[in-house]
Amino acid sequence: MGLLTFSLNVTLDGCIDHQEGIADDETHALFTRLMDERGAMLWGRITYEMMESYWPAVARGDVDAPPAIREWAVKLEAKTKYVVSSTRKDFPWTNSHHIADDLRTSVQSLKDATPAGVLLGSGKLATELDRLDLIDEYQLLVHPRIAGHGPTLYQGGLPSTRRLELVSAKPLRNGAVAMHYRRER
């Protein structure tokens, strides 16, 4: 069984707005490595649509991008992607698959079928999957910024505190810190 790893950019005050993080070669290399190490990506519909609207064009070369960003886009294009949605059924982006059945059963089956693990990259979906006790690891990139607005991490709340064990903490040159935690079970 593979692990479900929640990975996202977050500011010091918990903002997960994708425009608030530092998007440089070093951060893209970090997320490329995380993606390379996992067997599949898992997103909610909103994150999928945001990604689908930009990254395929970068992968095709239709958008001018530095090498690290293009590398991310090309690898993302090839990566298996799963999308949880109750409102959209068609996901035409390369290697995209719809998850529409029972969330707990579907995501557990995905973990069981993906020995290299699944990388979760959606804040709202993470809250729901954490409520179902399905997240095994957290790899957050904490940016040295205070956004002062939302959306925020776990805005919907959790029924209880999650105890985590620090696996590693690595500062990046841009001041962000890559934090890797594992759930204490």
N, C-alpha and C. Protein backbone atom coordinates (compact mmCIF):
# COMPACT_ATOMS: atom_id res chain seq x y z
N MET A 1 0.84 -1.18 0.00
CA MET A 1 0.00 0.00 0.00
C MET A 1 0.88 1.24 0.00
N GLY A 2 0.56 2.20 -0.86
CA GLY A 2 1.28 3.45 -0.91
C GLY A 2 0.74 4.45 0.09
N LEU A 3 1.55 5.45 0.37
CA LEU A 3 1.15 6.51 1.30
C LEU A 3 0.44 7.63 0.55
N LEU A 4 -0.47 8.29 1.24
CA LEU A 4 -1.09 9.50 0.72
C LEU A 4 -0.38 10.67 1.37
N THR A 5 0.30 11.47 0.56
CA THR A 5 1.08 12.60 1.03
C THR A 5 0.42 13.90 0.59
N PHE A 6 0.06 14.72 1.57
CA PHE A 6 -0.52 16.05 1.28
C PHE A 6 0.64 17.02 1.15
N SER A 7 0.71 17.69 0.00
CA SER A 7 1.79 18.63 -0.26
C SER A 7 1.21 19.91 -0.87
N LEU A 8 1.62 21.04 -0.28
CA LEU A 8 1.07 22.31 -0.73
C LEU A 8 2.00 23.45 -0.31
N ASN A 9 1.87 24.57 -0.99
CA ASN A 9 2.53 25.81 -0.58
C ASN A 9 1.64 26.50 0.44
N VAL A 10 2.25 27.05 1.49
CA VAL A 10 1.48 27.74 2.53
C VAL A 10 2.32 28.89 3.07
N THR A 11 1.67 30.02 3.36
CA THR A 11 2.36 31.14 3.98
C THR A 11 2.40 30.93 5.49
N LEU A 12 3.15 31.77 6.18
CA LEU A 12 3.25 31.64 7.64
C LEU A 12 1.90 31.75 8.33
N ASP A 13 0.97 32.52 7.76
CA ASP A 13 -0.35 32.65 8.37
C ASP A 13 -1.37 31.67 7.81
N GLY A 14 -0.90 30.65 7.09
CA GLY A 14 -1.77 29.56 6.65
C GLY A 14 -2.44 29.75 5.32
N CYS A 15 -2.15 30.83 4.60
CA CYS A 15 -2.78 31.09 3.31
C CYS A 15 -2.28 30.08 2.27
N ILE A 16 -3.20 29.51 1.53
CA ILE A 16 -2.84 28.54 0.49
C ILE A 16 -3.20 29.05 -0.91
N ASP A 17 -3.37 30.35 -1.05
CA ASP A 17 -3.59 30.96 -2.36
C ASP A 17 -2.33 30.73 -3.19
N HIS A 18 -2.47 30.08 -4.34
CA HIS A 18 -1.31 29.71 -5.14
C HIS A 18 -0.50 30.91 -5.63
N GLN A 19 -1.06 32.09 -5.60
CA GLN A 19 -0.35 33.28 -6.05
C GLN A 19 0.53 33.89 -4.96
N GLU A 20 0.44 33.39 -3.73
CA GLU A 20 1.19 33.96 -2.62
C GLU A 20 2.55 33.30 -2.38
N GLY A 21 2.78 32.15 -2.98
CA GLY A 21 4.06 31.46 -2.79
C GLY A 21 5.14 32.00 -3.71
N ILE A 22 6.36 31.61 -3.43
CA ILE A 22 7.51 31.99 -4.25
C ILE A 22 7.68 30.91 -5.32
N ALA A 23 7.48 31.28 -6.56
CA ALA A 23 7.57 30.31 -7.67
C ALA A 23 8.89 30.52 -8.39
N ASP A 24 9.93 29.86 -7.91
CA ASP A 24 11.24 29.96 -8.56
C ASP A 24 11.73 28.56 -8.93
N ASP A 25 12.91 28.50 -9.52
CA ASP A 25 13.45 27.21 -9.96
C ASP A 25 13.59 26.22 -8.80
N GLU A 26 13.99 26.73 -7.64
CA GLU A 26 14.21 25.84 -6.50
C GLU A 26 12.90 25.23 -6.00
N THR A 27 11.84 26.02 -5.93
CA THR A 27 10.56 25.47 -5.48
C THR A 27 9.99 24.50 -6.52
N HIS A 28 10.14 24.84 -7.80
CA HIS A 28 9.66 23.92 -8.82
C HIS A 28 10.46 22.61 -8.82
N ALA A 29 11.76 22.69 -8.58
CA ALA A 29 12.57 21.47 -8.50
C ALA A 29 12.11 20.61 -7.32
N LEU A 30 11.77 21.24 -6.20
CA LEU A 30 11.28 20.50 -5.03
C LEU A 30 9.99 19.75 -5.36
N PHE A 31 9.02 20.45 -5.98
CA PHE A 31 7.75 19.80 -6.29
C PHE A 31 7.89 18.79 -7.43
N THR A 32 8.86 19.01 -8.33
CA THR A 32 9.12 18.01 -9.38
C THR A 32 9.63 16.73 -8.74
N ARG A 33 10.55 16.85 -7.78
CA ARG A 33 11.06 15.67 -7.08
C ARG A 33 9.95 14.93 -6.35
N LEU A 34 9.10 15.69 -5.63
CA LEU A 34 7.98 15.06 -4.92
C LEU A 34 7.08 14.29 -5.89
N MET A 35 6.78 14.91 -7.03
CA MET A 35 5.93 14.27 -8.02
C MET A 35 6.61 13.03 -8.60
N ASP A 36 7.92 13.13 -8.88
CA ASP A 36 8.66 11.99 -9.42
C ASP A 36 8.64 10.79 -8.48
N GLU A 37 8.66 11.07 -7.18
CA GLU A 37 8.71 10.00 -6.19
C GLU A 37 7.37 9.30 -5.98
N ARG A 38 6.29 9.88 -6.44
CA ARG A 38 4.95 9.32 -6.23
C ARG A 38 4.42 8.73 -7.53
N GLY A 39 3.49 7.80 -7.38
CA GLY A 39 2.92 7.13 -8.53
C GLY A 39 1.76 7.86 -9.18
N ALA A 40 1.13 8.79 -8.45
CA ALA A 40 -0.03 9.48 -9.00
C ALA A 40 -0.26 10.79 -8.25
N MET A 41 -1.03 11.67 -8.89
CA MET A 41 -1.46 12.93 -8.29
C MET A 41 -2.95 12.82 -7.96
N LEU A 42 -3.39 13.52 -6.92
CA LEU A 42 -4.80 13.54 -6.53
C LEU A 42 -5.21 14.98 -6.25
N TRP A 43 -6.26 15.43 -6.93
CA TRP A 43 -6.75 16.80 -6.79
C TRP A 43 -8.26 16.82 -6.69
N GLY A 44 -8.77 17.91 -6.17
CA GLY A 44 -10.18 18.24 -6.28
C GLY A 44 -10.41 18.94 -7.62
N ARG A 45 -11.66 19.10 -7.98
CA ARG A 45 -12.00 19.69 -9.28
C ARG A 45 -11.43 21.10 -9.46
N ILE A 46 -11.51 21.94 -8.45
CA ILE A 46 -11.05 23.32 -8.58
C ILE A 46 -9.55 23.36 -8.86
N THR A 47 -8.77 22.58 -8.14
CA THR A 47 -7.32 22.54 -8.38
C THR A 47 -7.03 21.98 -9.76
N TYR A 48 -7.74 20.90 -10.14
CA TYR A 48 -7.56 20.32 -11.47
C TYR A 48 -7.78 21.38 -12.54
N GLU A 49 -8.88 22.11 -12.43
CA GLU A 49 -9.21 23.11 -13.46
C GLU A 49 -8.17 24.23 -13.51
N MET A 50 -7.64 24.61 -12.37
CA MET A 50 -6.60 25.63 -12.34
C MET A 50 -5.34 25.09 -13.04
N MET A 51 -4.96 23.86 -12.74
CA MET A 51 -3.77 23.25 -13.33
C MET A 51 -3.97 23.01 -14.84
N GLU A 52 -5.14 22.51 -15.19
CA GLU A 52 -5.47 22.18 -16.58
C GLU A 52 -5.45 23.43 -17.47
N SER A 53 -5.76 24.58 -16.89
CA SER A 53 -5.84 25.81 -17.68
C SER A 53 -4.46 26.37 -18.04
N TYR A 54 -3.39 25.86 -17.43
CA TYR A 54 -2.07 26.45 -17.65
C TYR A 54 -0.98 25.44 -18.04
N TRP A 55 -0.83 24.37 -17.26
CA TRP A 55 0.33 23.49 -17.41
C TRP A 55 0.42 22.73 -18.72
N PRO A 56 -0.67 22.27 -19.33
CA PRO A 56 -0.52 21.60 -20.63
C PRO A 56 0.10 22.53 -21.69
N ALA A 57 -0.25 23.81 -21.65
CA ALA A 57 0.32 24.77 -22.60
C ALA A 57 1.82 24.95 -22.37
N VAL A 58 2.24 24.93 -21.11
CA VAL A 58 3.67 25.02 -20.79
C VAL A 58 4.38 23.77 -21.30
N ALA A 59 3.79 22.61 -21.08
CA ALA A 59 4.40 21.35 -21.52
C ALA A 59 4.54 21.30 -23.04
N ARG A 60 3.57 21.86 -23.77
CA ARG A 60 3.61 21.89 -25.23
C ARG A 60 4.60 22.92 -25.76
N GLY A 61 5.04 23.84 -24.91
CA GLY A 61 5.94 24.91 -25.36
C GLY A 61 5.19 26.13 -25.86
N ASP A 62 3.87 26.19 -25.63
CA ASP A 62 3.07 27.34 -26.06
C ASP A 62 3.27 28.56 -25.15
N VAL A 63 3.83 28.33 -23.97
CA VAL A 63 4.08 29.40 -22.99
C VAL A 63 5.58 29.42 -22.72
N ASP A 64 6.16 30.61 -22.76
CA ASP A 64 7.59 30.74 -22.46
C ASP A 64 7.80 30.47 -20.98
N ALA A 65 8.72 29.57 -20.65
CA ALA A 65 8.97 29.20 -19.25
C ALA A 65 10.43 28.79 -19.07
N PRO A 66 10.98 29.06 -17.88
CA PRO A 66 12.35 28.61 -17.58
C PRO A 66 12.41 27.08 -17.57
N PRO A 67 13.63 26.53 -17.71
CA PRO A 67 13.78 25.06 -17.79
C PRO A 67 13.15 24.28 -16.63
N ALA A 68 13.31 24.73 -15.39
CA ALA A 68 12.76 23.98 -14.25
C ALA A 68 11.24 23.93 -14.30
N ILE A 69 10.63 25.00 -14.75
CA ILE A 69 9.17 25.06 -14.83
C ILE A 69 8.68 24.19 -15.99
N ARG A 70 9.39 24.24 -17.11
CA ARG A 70 9.01 23.38 -18.24
C ARG A 70 9.18 21.91 -17.85
N GLU A 71 10.24 21.57 -17.14
CA GLU A 71 10.45 20.19 -16.69
C GLU A 71 9.27 19.72 -15.84
N TRP A 72 8.83 20.57 -14.89
CA TRP A 72 7.66 20.25 -14.07
C TRP A 72 6.45 19.98 -14.96
N ALA A 73 6.22 20.87 -15.93
CA ALA A 73 5.03 20.75 -16.79
C ALA A 73 5.05 19.47 -17.62
N VAL A 74 6.20 19.13 -18.18
CA VAL A 74 6.31 17.92 -19.00
C VAL A 74 6.07 16.67 -18.14
N LYS A 75 6.66 16.64 -16.96
CA LYS A 75 6.46 15.49 -16.07
C LYS A 75 5.02 15.41 -15.57
N LEU A 76 4.42 16.56 -15.30
CA LEU A 76 3.03 16.59 -14.86
C LEU A 76 2.11 16.08 -15.97
N GLU A 77 2.42 16.44 -17.19
CA GLU A 77 1.63 15.98 -18.34
C GLU A 77 1.60 14.45 -18.39
N ALA A 78 2.72 13.82 -18.12
CA ALA A 78 2.81 12.36 -18.20
C ALA A 78 2.28 11.65 -16.97
N LYS A 79 2.20 12.35 -15.85
CA LYS A 79 1.82 11.74 -14.56
C LYS A 79 0.34 11.36 -14.56
N THR A 80 0.02 10.25 -13.91
CA THR A 80 -1.37 9.85 -13.73
C THR A 80 -2.01 10.81 -12.72
N LYS A 81 -3.17 11.33 -13.09
CA LYS A 81 -3.87 12.32 -12.27
C LYS A 81 -5.29 11.82 -11.96
N TYR A 82 -5.67 11.90 -10.68
CA TYR A 82 -7.01 11.52 -10.26
C TYR A 82 -7.70 12.77 -9.74
N VAL A 83 -8.99 12.90 -10.08
CA VAL A 83 -9.74 14.09 -9.71
C VAL A 83 -11.04 13.70 -9.02
N VAL A 84 -11.26 14.26 -7.84
CA VAL A 84 -12.50 14.05 -7.10
C VAL A 84 -13.46 15.17 -7.48
N SER A 85 -14.62 14.80 -7.99
CA SER A 85 -15.63 15.80 -8.34
C SER A 85 -17.01 15.18 -8.36
N SER A 86 -17.96 15.91 -7.81
CA SER A 86 -19.36 15.47 -7.89
C SER A 86 -20.11 16.27 -8.96
N THR A 87 -19.45 17.26 -9.55
CA THR A 87 -20.13 18.13 -10.51
C THR A 87 -19.61 18.00 -11.94
N ARG A 88 -18.41 17.55 -12.10
CA ARG A 88 -17.83 17.41 -13.43
C ARG A 88 -17.48 15.95 -13.66
N LYS A 89 -17.73 15.47 -14.87
CA LYS A 89 -17.49 14.06 -15.18
C LYS A 89 -16.39 13.87 -16.21
N ASP A 90 -16.13 14.87 -17.05
CA ASP A 90 -15.19 14.75 -18.15
C ASP A 90 -13.87 15.45 -17.80
N PHE A 91 -12.78 14.70 -17.85
CA PHE A 91 -11.46 15.22 -17.52
C PHE A 91 -10.49 14.85 -18.64
N PRO A 92 -10.44 15.68 -19.70
CA PRO A 92 -9.71 15.32 -20.91
C PRO A 92 -8.18 15.46 -20.85
N TRP A 93 -7.65 16.13 -19.85
CA TRP A 93 -6.19 16.29 -19.77
C TRP A 93 -5.54 14.91 -19.73
N THR A 94 -4.44 14.76 -20.40
CA THR A 94 -3.72 13.49 -20.51
C THR A 94 -3.60 12.78 -19.16
N ASN A 95 -3.94 11.49 -19.15
CA ASN A 95 -3.80 10.61 -17.98
C ASN A 95 -4.64 11.05 -16.78
N SER A 96 -5.77 11.68 -17.02
CA SER A 96 -6.65 12.11 -15.92
C SER A 96 -7.81 11.14 -15.77
N HIS A 97 -8.16 10.86 -14.50
CA HIS A 97 -9.21 9.90 -14.18
C HIS A 97 -10.13 10.49 -13.12
N HIS A 98 -11.39 10.22 -13.25
CA HIS A 98 -12.41 10.76 -12.35
C HIS A 98 -12.67 9.82 -11.18
N ILE A 99 -12.74 10.38 -9.99
CA ILE A 99 -13.18 9.64 -8.80
C ILE A 99 -14.53 10.21 -8.39
N ALA A 100 -15.55 9.39 -8.49
CA ALA A 100 -16.90 9.87 -8.19
C ALA A 100 -17.60 9.04 -7.13
N ASP A 101 -17.09 7.85 -6.86
CA ASP A 101 -17.73 6.97 -5.90
C ASP A 101 -17.41 7.40 -4.48
N ASP A 102 -17.77 6.57 -3.51
CA ASP A 102 -17.51 6.84 -2.10
C ASP A 102 -16.06 7.27 -1.91
N LEU A 103 -15.85 8.45 -1.31
CA LEU A 103 -14.52 9.03 -1.19
C LEU A 103 -13.57 8.14 -0.39
N ARG A 104 -14.01 7.66 0.75
CA ARG A 104 -13.14 6.82 1.59
C ARG A 104 -12.70 5.57 0.84
N THR A 105 -13.64 4.86 0.26
CA THR A 105 -13.34 3.62 -0.44
C THR A 105 -12.48 3.87 -1.67
N SER A 106 -12.82 4.89 -2.44
CA SER A 106 -12.08 5.18 -3.68
C SER A 106 -10.64 5.57 -3.41
N VAL A 107 -10.42 6.45 -2.43
CA VAL A 107 -9.06 6.90 -2.14
C VAL A 107 -8.26 5.79 -1.48
N GLN A 108 -8.86 5.01 -0.62
CA GLN A 108 -8.14 3.87 -0.02
C GLN A 108 -7.75 2.88 -1.11
N SER A 109 -8.64 2.63 -2.05
CA SER A 109 -8.32 1.73 -3.18
C SER A 109 -7.19 2.29 -4.02
N LEU A 110 -7.19 3.61 -4.22
CA LEU A 110 -6.12 4.26 -4.98
C LEU A 110 -4.78 4.09 -4.26
N LYS A 111 -4.78 4.31 -2.94
CA LYS A 111 -3.55 4.10 -2.15
C LYS A 111 -3.08 2.66 -2.26
N ASP A 112 -4.01 1.71 -2.13
CA ASP A 112 -3.67 0.29 -2.19
C ASP A 112 -3.09 -0.10 -3.55
N ALA A 113 -3.56 0.54 -4.61
CA ALA A 113 -3.13 0.21 -5.96
C ALA A 113 -1.90 1.00 -6.42
N THR A 114 -1.38 1.89 -5.58
CA THR A 114 -0.28 2.77 -5.98
C THR A 114 0.87 2.64 -4.98
N PRO A 115 1.71 1.61 -5.11
CA PRO A 115 2.78 1.38 -4.14
C PRO A 115 3.73 2.56 -3.96
N ALA A 116 3.95 3.35 -5.01
CA ALA A 116 4.85 4.50 -4.90
C ALA A 116 4.18 5.68 -4.19
N GLY A 117 2.90 5.56 -3.90
CA GLY A 117 2.19 6.60 -3.18
C GLY A 117 1.48 7.60 -4.07
N VAL A 118 0.65 8.41 -3.42
CA VAL A 118 -0.18 9.39 -4.11
C VAL A 118 0.12 10.76 -3.50
N LEU A 119 0.30 11.75 -4.37
CA LEU A 119 0.57 13.12 -3.93
C LEU A 119 -0.70 13.94 -4.04
N LEU A 120 -1.20 14.39 -2.91
CA LEU A 120 -2.43 15.17 -2.82
C LEU A 120 -2.08 16.65 -2.82
N GLY A 121 -2.70 17.42 -3.69
CA GLY A 121 -2.36 18.84 -3.79
C GLY A 121 -3.55 19.77 -3.78
N SER A 122 -4.58 19.48 -3.01
CA SER A 122 -5.76 20.34 -2.93
C SER A 122 -6.14 20.57 -1.47
N GLY A 123 -6.26 21.82 -1.08
CA GLY A 123 -6.55 22.16 0.30
C GLY A 123 -7.89 21.68 0.81
N LYS A 124 -8.96 21.96 0.08
CA LYS A 124 -10.29 21.54 0.53
C LYS A 124 -10.41 20.02 0.57
N LEU A 125 -9.87 19.37 -0.45
CA LEU A 125 -9.91 17.91 -0.49
C LEU A 125 -9.09 17.32 0.66
N ALA A 126 -7.96 17.96 0.99
CA ALA A 126 -7.14 17.48 2.10
C ALA A 126 -7.93 17.49 3.40
N THR A 127 -8.73 18.52 3.62
CA THR A 127 -9.55 18.58 4.83
C THR A 127 -10.49 17.38 4.88
N GLU A 128 -11.15 17.10 3.77
CA GLU A 128 -12.09 15.97 3.73
C GLU A 128 -11.37 14.64 3.93
N LEU A 129 -10.21 14.47 3.30
CA LEU A 129 -9.48 13.21 3.43
C LEU A 129 -8.86 13.06 4.82
N ASP A 130 -8.49 14.17 5.44
CA ASP A 130 -7.98 14.10 6.81
C ASP A 130 -9.11 13.73 7.77
N ARG A 131 -10.31 14.23 7.53
CA ARG A 131 -11.46 13.83 8.35
C ARG A 131 -11.72 12.34 8.24
N LEU A 132 -11.38 11.76 7.10
CA LEU A 132 -11.55 10.32 6.89
C LEU A 132 -10.32 9.53 7.33
N ASP A 133 -9.33 10.21 7.89
CA ASP A 133 -8.11 9.59 8.41
C ASP A 133 -7.30 8.88 7.33
N LEU A 134 -7.25 9.48 6.14
CA LEU A 134 -6.57 8.85 5.02
C LEU A 134 -5.20 9.43 4.71
N ILE A 135 -4.85 10.60 5.25
CA ILE A 135 -3.56 11.22 4.94
C ILE A 135 -2.49 10.64 5.86
N ASP A 136 -1.38 10.23 5.25
CA ASP A 136 -0.27 9.60 5.98
C ASP A 136 0.87 10.57 6.25
N GLU A 137 1.13 11.46 5.30
CA GLU A 137 2.26 12.39 5.41
C GLU A 137 1.85 13.78 4.95
N TYR A 138 2.63 14.76 5.41
CA TYR A 138 2.42 16.15 5.03
C TYR A 138 3.78 16.70 4.60
N GLN A 139 3.85 17.21 3.40
CA GLN A 139 5.07 17.86 2.93
C GLN A 139 4.67 19.26 2.47
N LEU A 140 4.80 20.19 3.40
CA LEU A 140 4.38 21.55 3.15
C LEU A 140 5.59 22.43 2.90
N LEU A 141 5.47 23.32 1.93
CA LEU A 141 6.50 24.32 1.71
C LEU A 141 5.99 25.62 2.32
N VAL A 142 6.61 26.00 3.44
CA VAL A 142 6.19 27.18 4.20
C VAL A 142 6.98 28.38 3.69
N HIS A 143 6.25 29.34 3.13
CA HIS A 143 6.87 30.53 2.53
C HIS A 143 6.99 31.66 3.55
N PRO A 144 8.07 32.44 3.46
CA PRO A 144 8.29 33.53 4.42
C PRO A 144 7.44 34.75 4.08
N ARG A 145 6.15 34.55 4.14
CA ARG A 145 5.20 35.62 3.82
C ARG A 145 4.00 35.52 4.75
N ILE A 146 3.41 36.67 5.02
CA ILE A 146 2.13 36.73 5.72
C ILE A 146 1.16 37.36 4.73
N ALA A 147 0.20 36.59 4.27
CA ALA A 147 -0.72 37.04 3.23
C ALA A 147 -1.84 37.92 3.79
N GLY A 148 -2.31 37.58 4.97
CA GLY A 148 -3.39 38.37 5.56
C GLY A 148 -4.76 38.11 4.94
N HIS A 149 -4.86 37.06 4.14
CA HIS A 149 -6.16 36.71 3.54
C HIS A 149 -6.21 35.21 3.33
N GLY A 150 -7.32 34.71 2.88
CA GLY A 150 -7.49 33.28 2.65
C GLY A 150 -7.48 32.97 1.19
N PRO A 151 -7.73 31.74 0.79
CA PRO A 151 -8.13 30.63 1.64
C PRO A 151 -6.97 30.16 2.52
N THR A 152 -7.34 29.51 3.61
CA THR A 152 -6.32 29.05 4.53
C THR A 152 -6.34 27.53 4.67
N LEU A 153 -5.24 27.01 5.17
CA LEU A 153 -5.09 25.59 5.40
C LEU A 153 -6.10 25.12 6.45
N TYR A 154 -6.81 24.08 6.15
CA TYR A 154 -7.81 23.48 7.04
C TYR A 154 -8.85 24.49 7.52
N GLN A 155 -9.26 25.35 6.62
CA GLN A 155 -10.27 26.36 6.91
C GLN A 155 -11.57 25.74 7.39
N GLY A 156 -11.88 24.54 6.90
CA GLY A 156 -13.11 23.86 7.29
C GLY A 156 -13.03 23.15 8.63
N GLY A 157 -11.83 23.12 9.22
CA GLY A 157 -11.67 22.50 10.53
C GLY A 157 -11.58 20.98 10.49
N LEU A 158 -11.08 20.43 11.57
CA LEU A 158 -10.96 18.98 11.75
C LEU A 158 -11.61 18.60 13.08
N PRO A 159 -12.07 17.37 13.21
CA PRO A 159 -12.73 16.97 14.45
C PRO A 159 -11.79 16.82 15.64
N SER A 160 -10.48 16.65 15.37
CA SER A 160 -9.52 16.50 16.46
C SER A 160 -8.13 16.88 15.97
N THR A 161 -7.24 17.09 16.91
CA THR A 161 -5.86 17.44 16.60
C THR A 161 -5.13 16.26 15.97
N ARG A 162 -4.28 16.55 14.98
CA ARG A 162 -3.45 15.53 14.36
C ARG A 162 -2.05 15.66 14.96
N ARG A 163 -1.54 14.59 15.52
CA ARG A 163 -0.18 14.57 16.05
C ARG A 163 0.75 14.11 14.93
N LEU A 164 1.83 14.88 14.73
CA LEU A 164 2.75 14.62 13.63
C LEU A 164 4.16 14.44 14.15
N GLU A 165 4.93 13.64 13.43
CA GLU A 165 6.34 13.43 13.73
C GLU A 165 7.15 14.12 12.64
N LEU A 166 8.10 14.96 13.02
CA LEU A 166 8.96 15.64 12.05
C LEU A 166 9.92 14.63 11.42
N VAL A 167 9.89 14.57 10.10
CA VAL A 167 10.81 13.72 9.34
C VAL A 167 12.01 14.56 8.90
N SER A 168 11.72 15.75 8.39
CA SER A 168 12.81 16.63 7.97
C SER A 168 12.29 18.07 7.82
N ALA A 169 13.24 18.99 7.89
CA ALA A 169 12.97 20.41 7.64
C ALA A 169 14.17 20.95 6.88
N LYS A 170 13.93 21.46 5.67
CA LYS A 170 15.03 21.92 4.84
C LYS A 170 14.75 23.35 4.38
N PRO A 171 15.61 24.29 4.81
CA PRO A 171 15.45 25.67 4.32
C PRO A 171 15.90 25.78 2.87
N LEU A 172 15.19 26.57 2.10
CA LEU A 172 15.57 26.85 0.72
C LEU A 172 16.25 28.22 0.67
N ARG A 173 16.97 28.48 -0.40
CA ARG A 173 17.68 29.75 -0.55
C ARG A 173 16.74 30.95 -0.53
N ASN A 174 15.49 30.75 -0.97
CA ASN A 174 14.53 31.86 -1.03
C ASN A 174 13.87 32.16 0.31
N GLY A 175 14.24 31.43 1.36
CA GLY A 175 13.68 31.65 2.69
C GLY A 175 12.54 30.73 3.06
N ALA A 176 12.00 30.01 2.09
CA ALA A 176 10.95 29.03 2.38
C ALA A 176 11.59 27.83 3.09
N VAL A 177 10.76 27.06 3.80
CA VAL A 177 11.23 25.87 4.48
C VAL A 177 10.35 24.69 4.06
N ALA A 178 11.00 23.64 3.55
CA ALA A 178 10.29 22.42 3.17
C ALA A 178 10.15 21.56 4.42
N MET A 179 8.92 21.39 4.89
CA MET A 179 8.63 20.64 6.11
C MET A 179 8.00 19.29 5.74
N HIS A 180 8.56 18.21 6.28
CA HIS A 180 8.04 16.87 6.02
C HIS A 180 7.65 16.26 7.37
N TYR A 181 6.37 15.97 7.51
CA TYR A 181 5.84 15.35 8.73
C TYR A 181 5.14 14.06 8.38
N ARG A 182 5.14 13.13 9.31
CA ARG A 182 4.42 11.87 9.18
C ARG A 182 3.39 11.79 10.30
N ARG A 183 2.23 11.24 10.00
CA ARG A 183 1.19 11.07 11.03
C ARG A 183 1.66 10.10 12.08
N GLU A 184 1.45 10.44 13.35
CA GLU A 184 1.65 9.48 14.42
C GLU A 184 0.38 8.66 14.52
N ARG A 185 0.51 7.36 14.45
CA ARG A 185 -0.69 6.49 14.47
C ARG A 185 -0.71 5.71 15.77
